[in-house]
Amino acid sequence: MRAIWQGLLFSAALAASLGHAAAGETRARQILDRFEHANQWRDHVMVAAHRAGSMQAGKTLYPENSLAAVEGSIAMGAEIVEVDIRRSKDGEFVVMHDSWLDRTTTCKGEVVDYTLAELRKCRLVVEGTGVVSGETASTLREMLMATKDRILINLDNKLDVQALPSMIAIARDLGMAEQVIVKENLWNADRIATVKAAMDAIGGGFQFMPIVADDAVRDARFAETVSRAFSARAIELINWRAGSETLTETGGPLFSPRMRAVAVRGDWHIWANTYAIVNKPGGFLAGGRGDELAVLASLPAETWGFWAERGATIIQTDEPKAAIDWLAANGYRIPYTDEARPAEPANTASIN
């Protein structure tokens, strides 16, 4: 099936790519075009770097959610970085996955108990090695400034839906709201209505991505309803793996031929997650076919290749470089133009 899609879509994708080269667009603009026009890029698998891309080949390279990790992800060619947003004691949005500081910094206690000035005294730690970096937790504004015009940024809101308008306001102030992806879990009609009301109140100009998991949803028709409600350009699909069951052979009910047809009809990307979750089974979000299988077991075709063959055109991973290298070598990626290179990084010296 992939060969058929490639034959039908390659010419359109190539023409679009050449057109953008002539326009001299930024790297982020080229990525955004592929994100917003899924049907033109069904033969290209985009890579999203989980927690900004701190991992590579099973080894931690950078502190998670750090500016250094973002720079690494941009350098290796990832299209999206995912970062986590919390709030300090004095109301500043800060980039931090956990609600506490103990695992990822030199400080102890809850993020919300520290002012931003106090958080500046905490140094980010490279998980696994314990190396203390020179970086502190970034504010949302600083993280957005570092990514502007260079890569798309997926904000994982660790607060509540009511925090999203203020986050988007910062992105709008920087003139980069369209480069920001926010997401919420959806599982029934009431939830769709609640989240839609919140998104409508914020207004347009940014990317909203629904999340649908197969513990609550098992019918592609629900995704079709979601797509129409939000004009989504991507939907994150989750195949839960609770424990010792064998690897999924089909991708589960959400990665079905009908779902792929619905995605094409709605012109949206199927987003799959292969990253690991601490203290959970390997491939917890991917039917067992996660990064552990790709890297530790040296079976990337059974992981990234498996999801690409089942329609995924965005894969979020802890192993962005390994994924990009394998996908490119096996015909799942189309190079970006040489004319538009990533913008220079923002000056972040003042935050260390």
Foldseek 3Di string as FASTA:
>chain_A
DLVVLCVVQVVLLVVVQVVVLVVLAAQLVVLLVCLQQVSNQLLAAAEEAEQLQQDALHAGNDQGVDLVSVVVCLVLPHAEYEWEWDAALVGFIWTDDDQFDVQFWPDTDGRNDHDPVRQLVIFTAGGPVRDTDPATIGTLLQVCQQPPSRHAYEYEYPPDLVCVLVSLVSCVVVVHQQSYEYEDEDQDDVRLVVNLVSVVVSPDDHAYEYEYEPVRDQALVVVLVSCVSRVHQEYEYFYADQDDDDADPQQHRCLDPVNLVSCSVSSHAYEFEQEDDPPGAHSRRGRNQHPCCCRVVVCVCSHLVNVSVSGGRYYYYSHRSVSVVVCVVVSSHDDRDPSHGHDDGDDPVVSD
